[in-house]
Amino acid sequence: MSLSSHLEELRKKHQHLSDAVEEALKSPSSDDLQIAQLKKQKLQLKEEITRLSTH
């Protein structure tokens, strides 16, 4: 897998997590812990994308 395709896949996962966070925030039955975990995963992906983009 090339670096550009790997970055694109990471960006897709990041967007999917963003959508999941938005949906969870809209749902009154959402769990704060679940939202926090989604946000943490999203941040980790963003850091990886940034790290790979700068090298």
PDB file of N, CA and C in Angstrom:
ATOM      1  N   MET A   1       0.849  -1.177   0.000  1.00  0.00           N
ATOM      2  CA  MET A   1       0.000   0.000   0.000  1.00  0.00           C
ATOM      3  C   MET A   1       0.894   1.240   0.000  1.00  0.00           C
ATOM      4  N   SER A   2       0.618   2.140  -0.911  1.00  0.00           N
ATOM      5  CA  SER A   2       1.414   3.366  -0.979  1.00  0.00           C
ATOM      6  C   SER A   2       1.026   4.313   0.159  1.00  0.00           C
ATOM      7  N   LEU A   3       1.889   5.256   0.409  1.00  0.00           N
ATOM      8  CA  LEU A   3       1.653   6.217   1.485  1.00  0.00           C
ATOM      9  C   LEU A   3       0.387   7.030   1.223  1.00  0.00           C
ATOM     10  N   SER A   4       0.192   7.452  -0.015  1.00  0.00           N
ATOM     11  CA  SER A   4      -0.995   8.270  -0.320  1.00  0.00           C
ATOM     12  C   SER A   4      -2.287   7.483  -0.142  1.00  0.00           C
ATOM     13  N   SER A   5      -2.294   6.215  -0.523  1.00  0.00           N
ATOM     14  CA  SER A   5      -3.513   5.420  -0.340  1.00  0.00           C
ATOM     15  C   SER A   5      -3.741   5.116   1.142  1.00  0.00           C
ATOM     16  N   HIS A   6      -2.660   4.945   1.888  1.00  0.00           N
ATOM     17  CA  HIS A   6      -2.782   4.722   3.330  1.00  0.00           C
ATOM     18  C   HIS A   6      -3.345   5.972   4.012  1.00  0.00           C
ATOM     19  N   LEU A   7      -2.844   7.132   3.617  1.00  0.00           N
ATOM     20  CA  LEU A   7      -3.354   8.390   4.175  1.00  0.00           C
ATOM     21  C   LEU A   7      -4.831   8.576   3.828  1.00  0.00           C
ATOM     22  N   GLU A   8      -5.206   8.242   2.621  1.00  0.00           N
ATOM     23  CA  GLU A   8      -6.605   8.376   2.216  1.00  0.00           C
ATOM     24  C   GLU A   8      -7.494   7.457   3.047  1.00  0.00           C
ATOM     25  N   GLU A   9      -7.029   6.256   3.306  1.00  0.00           N
ATOM     26  CA  GLU A   9      -7.792   5.316   4.135  1.00  0.00           C
ATOM     27  C   GLU A   9      -7.933   5.846   5.565  1.00  0.00           C
ATOM     28  N   LEU A  10      -6.872   6.413   6.107  1.00  0.00           N
ATOM     29  CA  LEU A  10      -6.931   6.999   7.441  1.00  0.00           C
ATOM     30  C   LEU A  10      -7.900   8.179   7.480  1.00  0.00           C
ATOM     31  N   ARG A  11      -7.903   8.979   6.431  1.00  0.00           N
ATOM     32  CA  ARG A  11      -8.831  10.116   6.368  1.00  0.00           C
ATOM     33  C   ARG A  11     -10.281   9.636   6.318  1.00  0.00           C
ATOM     34  N   LYS A  12     -10.530   8.555   5.593  1.00  0.00           N
ATOM     35  CA  LYS A  12     -11.886   7.994   5.532  1.00  0.00           C
ATOM     36  C   LYS A  12     -12.327   7.499   6.910  1.00  0.00           C
ATOM     37  N   LYS A  13     -11.428   6.829   7.608  1.00  0.00           N
ATOM     38  CA  LYS A  13     -11.742   6.351   8.958  1.00  0.00           C
ATOM     39  C   LYS A  13     -12.006   7.526   9.891  1.00  0.00           C
ATOM     40  N   HIS A  14     -11.211   8.592   9.758  1.00  0.00           N
ATOM     41  CA  HIS A  14     -11.381   9.787  10.577  1.00  0.00           C
ATOM     42  C   HIS A  14     -12.750  10.407  10.325  1.00  0.00           C
ATOM     43  N   GLN A  15     -13.146  10.485   9.059  1.00  0.00           N
ATOM     44  CA  GLN A  15     -14.451  11.047   8.724  1.00  0.00           C
ATOM     45  C   GLN A  15     -15.579  10.177   9.264  1.00  0.00           C
ATOM     46  N   HIS A  16     -15.401   8.870   9.185  1.00  0.00           N
ATOM     47  CA  HIS A  16     -16.404   7.950   9.720  1.00  0.00           C
ATOM     48  C   HIS A  16     -16.566   8.153  11.227  1.00  0.00           C
ATOM     49  N   LEU A  17     -15.464   8.322  11.927  1.00  0.00           N
ATOM     50  CA  LEU A  17     -15.526   8.578  13.369  1.00  0.00           C
ATOM     51  C   LEU A  17     -16.177   9.927  13.658  1.00  0.00           C
ATOM     52  N   SER A  18     -15.897  10.922  12.828  1.00  0.00           N
ATOM     53  CA  SER A  18     -16.536  12.226  13.003  1.00  0.00           C
ATOM     54  C   SER A  18     -18.049  12.094  12.890  1.00  0.00           C
ATOM     55  N   ASP A  19     -18.481  11.339  11.894  1.00  0.00           N
ATOM     56  CA  ASP A  19     -19.915  11.115  11.703  1.00  0.00           C
ATOM     57  C   ASP A  19     -20.511  10.366  12.890  1.00  0.00           C
ATOM     58  N   ALA A  20     -19.781   9.384  13.394  1.00  0.00           N
ATOM     59  CA  ALA A  20     -20.264   8.603  14.533  1.00  0.00           C
ATOM     60  C   ALA A  20     -20.387   9.475  15.784  1.00  0.00           C
ATOM     61  N   VAL A  21     -19.434  10.375  15.992  1.00  0.00           N
ATOM     62  CA  VAL A  21     -19.486  11.289  17.142  1.00  0.00           C
ATOM     63  C   VAL A  21     -20.701  12.207  17.010  1.00  0.00           C
ATOM     64  N   GLU A  22     -20.910  12.748  15.822  1.00  0.00           N
ATOM     65  CA  GLU A  22     -22.057  13.630  15.591  1.00  0.00           C
ATOM     66  C   GLU A  22     -23.373  12.905  15.877  1.00  0.00           C
ATOM     67  N   GLU A  23     -23.496  11.699  15.401  1.00  0.00           N
ATOM     68  CA  GLU A  23     -24.715  10.922  15.635  1.00  0.00           C
ATOM     69  C   GLU A  23     -24.903  10.622  17.122  1.00  0.00           C
ATOM     70  N   ALA A  24     -23.823  10.280  17.787  1.00  0.00           N
ATOM     71  CA  ALA A  24     -23.906   9.972  19.215  1.00  0.00           C
ATOM     72  C   ALA A  24     -24.309  11.204  20.022  1.00  0.00           C
ATOM     73  N   LEU A  25     -23.806  12.358  19.615  1.00  0.00           N
ATOM     74  CA  LEU A  25     -24.155  13.592  20.327  1.00  0.00           C
ATOM     75  C   LEU A  25     -25.629  13.957  20.125  1.00  0.00           C
ATOM     76  N   LYS A  26     -26.196  13.596  19.000  1.00  0.00           N
ATOM     77  CA  LYS A  26     -27.601  13.888  18.709  1.00  0.00           C
ATOM     78  C   LYS A  26     -28.543  12.939  19.444  1.00  0.00           C
ATOM     79  N   SER A  27     -28.049  11.770  19.773  1.00  0.00           N
ATOM     80  CA  SER A  27     -28.893  10.751  20.391  1.00  0.00           C
ATOM     81  C   SER A  27     -28.981  10.960  21.902  1.00  0.00           C
ATOM     82  N   PRO A  28     -30.185  11.059  22.436  1.00  0.00           N
ATOM     83  CA  PRO A  28     -30.320  11.264  23.886  1.00  0.00           C
ATOM     84  C   PRO A  28     -29.872  10.041  24.699  1.00  0.00           C
ATOM     85  N   SER A  29     -29.827   8.896  24.078  1.00  0.00           N
ATOM     86  CA  SER A  29     -29.443   7.686  24.809  1.00  0.00           C
ATOM     87  C   SER A  29     -27.952   7.383  24.690  1.00  0.00           C
ATOM     88  N   SER A  30     -27.188   8.313  24.112  1.00  0.00           N
ATOM     89  CA  SER A  30     -25.762   8.057  23.927  1.00  0.00           C
ATOM     90  C   SER A  30     -25.019   8.069  25.261  1.00  0.00           C
ATOM     91  N   ASP A  31     -23.977   7.290  25.286  1.00  0.00           N
ATOM     92  CA  ASP A  31     -23.153   7.106  26.474  1.00  0.00           C
ATOM     93  C   ASP A  31     -21.947   8.044  26.394  1.00  0.00           C
ATOM     94  N   ASP A  32     -21.712   8.818  27.443  1.00  0.00           N
ATOM     95  CA  ASP A  32     -20.584   9.753  27.453  1.00  0.00           C
ATOM     96  C   ASP A  32     -19.246   9.038  27.288  1.00  0.00           C
ATOM     97  N   LEU A  33     -19.129   7.858  27.871  1.00  0.00           N
ATOM     98  CA  LEU A  33     -17.891   7.094  27.741  1.00  0.00           C
ATOM     99  C   LEU A  33     -17.669   6.673  26.292  1.00  0.00           C
ATOM    100  N   GLN A  34     -18.721   6.245  25.629  1.00  0.00           N
ATOM    101  CA  GLN A  34     -18.621   5.850  24.229  1.00  0.00           C
ATOM    102  C   GLN A  34     -18.190   7.038  23.365  1.00  0.00           C
ATOM    103  N   ILE A  35     -18.777   8.194  23.620  1.00  0.00           N
ATOM    104  CA  ILE A  35     -18.418   9.396  22.863  1.00  0.00           C
ATOM    105  C   ILE A  35     -16.953   9.752  23.109  1.00  0.00           C
ATOM    106  N   ALA A  36     -16.517   9.659  24.344  1.00  0.00           N
ATOM    107  CA  ALA A  36     -15.115   9.955  24.676  1.00  0.00           C
ATOM    108  C   ALA A  36     -14.164   9.001  23.962  1.00  0.00           C
ATOM    109  N   GLN A  37     -14.529   7.730  23.880  1.00  0.00           N
ATOM    110  CA  GLN A  37     -13.692   6.746  23.196  1.00  0.00           C
ATOM    111  C   GLN A  37     -13.623   7.032  21.697  1.00  0.00           C
ATOM    112  N   LEU A  38     -14.755   7.407  21.118  1.00  0.00           N
ATOM    113  CA  LEU A  38     -14.771   7.759  19.698  1.00  0.00           C
ATOM    114  C   LEU A  38     -13.883   8.969  19.438  1.00  0.00           C
ATOM    115  N   LYS A  39     -13.976   9.965  20.307  1.00  0.00           N
ATOM    116  CA  LYS A  39     -13.159  11.168  20.148  1.00  0.00           C
ATOM    117  C   LYS A  39     -11.676  10.856  20.301  1.00  0.00           C
ATOM    118  N   LYS A  40     -11.349   9.955  21.200  1.00  0.00           N
ATOM    119  CA  LYS A  40      -9.954   9.561  21.397  1.00  0.00           C
ATOM    120  C   LYS A  40      -9.417   8.854  20.150  1.00  0.00           C
ATOM    121  N   GLN A  41     -10.211   7.949  19.591  1.00  0.00           N
ATOM    122  CA  GLN A  41      -9.806   7.256  18.365  1.00  0.00           C
ATOM    123  C   GLN A  41      -9.622   8.251  17.219  1.00  0.00           C
ATOM    124  N   LYS A  42     -10.533   9.205  17.149  1.00  0.00           N
ATOM    125  CA  LYS A  42     -10.471  10.225  16.113  1.00  0.00           C
ATOM    126  C   LYS A  42      -9.184  11.039  16.248  1.00  0.00           C
ATOM    127  N   LEU A  43      -8.846  11.432  17.466  1.00  0.00           N
ATOM    128  CA  LEU A  43      -7.625  12.195  17.710  1.00  0.00           C
ATOM    129  C   LEU A  43      -6.380  11.375  17.349  1.00  0.00           C
ATOM    130  N   GLN A  44      -6.372  10.106  17.697  1.00  0.00           N
ATOM    131  CA  GLN A  44      -5.228   9.257  17.369  1.00  0.00           C
ATOM    132  C   GLN A  44      -5.040   9.157  15.855  1.00  0.00           C
ATOM    133  N   LEU A  45      -6.147   9.029  15.128  1.00  0.00           N
ATOM    134  CA  LEU A  45      -6.049   8.982  13.673  1.00  0.00           C
ATOM    135  C   LEU A  45      -5.515  10.298  13.121  1.00  0.00           C
ATOM    136  N   LYS A  46      -6.022  11.403  13.652  1.00  0.00           N
ATOM    137  CA  LYS A  46      -5.567  12.714  13.183  1.00  0.00           C
ATOM    138  C   LYS A  46      -4.072  12.883  13.430  1.00  0.00           C
ATOM    139  N   GLU A  47      -3.602  12.452  14.589  1.00  0.00           N
ATOM    140  CA  GLU A  47      -2.170  12.547  14.890  1.00  0.00           C
ATOM    141  C   GLU A  47      -1.355  11.684  13.931  1.00  0.00           C
ATOM    142  N   GLU A  48      -1.856  10.492  13.617  1.00  0.00           N
ATOM    143  CA  GLU A  48      -1.145   9.615  12.681  1.00  0.00           C
ATOM    144  C   GLU A  48      -1.122  10.230  11.279  1.00  0.00           C
ATOM    145  N   ILE A  49      -2.243  10.792  10.849  1.00  0.00           N
ATOM    146  CA  ILE A  49      -2.298  11.440   9.536  1.00  0.00           C
ATOM    147  C   ILE A  49      -1.297  12.585   9.484  1.00  0.00           C
ATOM    148  N   THR A  50      -1.262  13.397  10.529  1.00  0.00           N
ATOM    149  CA  THR A  50      -0.326  14.526  10.583  1.00  0.00           C
ATOM    150  C   THR A  50       1.118  14.026  10.563  1.00  0.00           C
ATOM    151  N   ARG A  51       1.386  13.004  11.353  1.00  0.00           N
ATOM    152  CA  ARG A  51       2.749  12.463  11.415  1.00  0.00           C
ATOM    153  C   ARG A  51       3.204  11.941  10.053  1.00  0.00           C
ATOM    154  N   LEU A  52       2.325  11.197   9.383  1.00  0.00           N
ATOM    155  CA  LEU A  52       2.691  10.637   8.082  1.00  0.00           C
ATOM    156  C   LEU A  52       2.783  11.706   6.995  1.00  0.00           C
ATOM    157  N   SER A  53       1.971  12.737   7.115  1.00  0.00           N
ATOM    158  CA  SER A  53       1.971  13.797   6.109  1.00  0.00           C
ATOM    159  C   SER A  53       3.221  14.651   6.177  1.00  0.00           C
ATOM    160  N   THR A  54       3.802  14.783   7.354  1.00  0.00           N
ATOM    161  CA  THR A  54       4.971  15.648   7.503  1.00  0.00           C
ATOM    162  C   THR A  54       6.284  14.927   7.198  1.00  0.00           C
ATOM    163  N   HIS A  55       6.248  13.620   7.068  1.00  0.00           N
ATOM    164  CA  HIS A  55       7.491  12.880   6.784  1.00  0.00           C
ATOM    165  C   HIS A  55       7.627  12.555   5.329  1.00  0.00           C
TER     166      HIS A  55
END
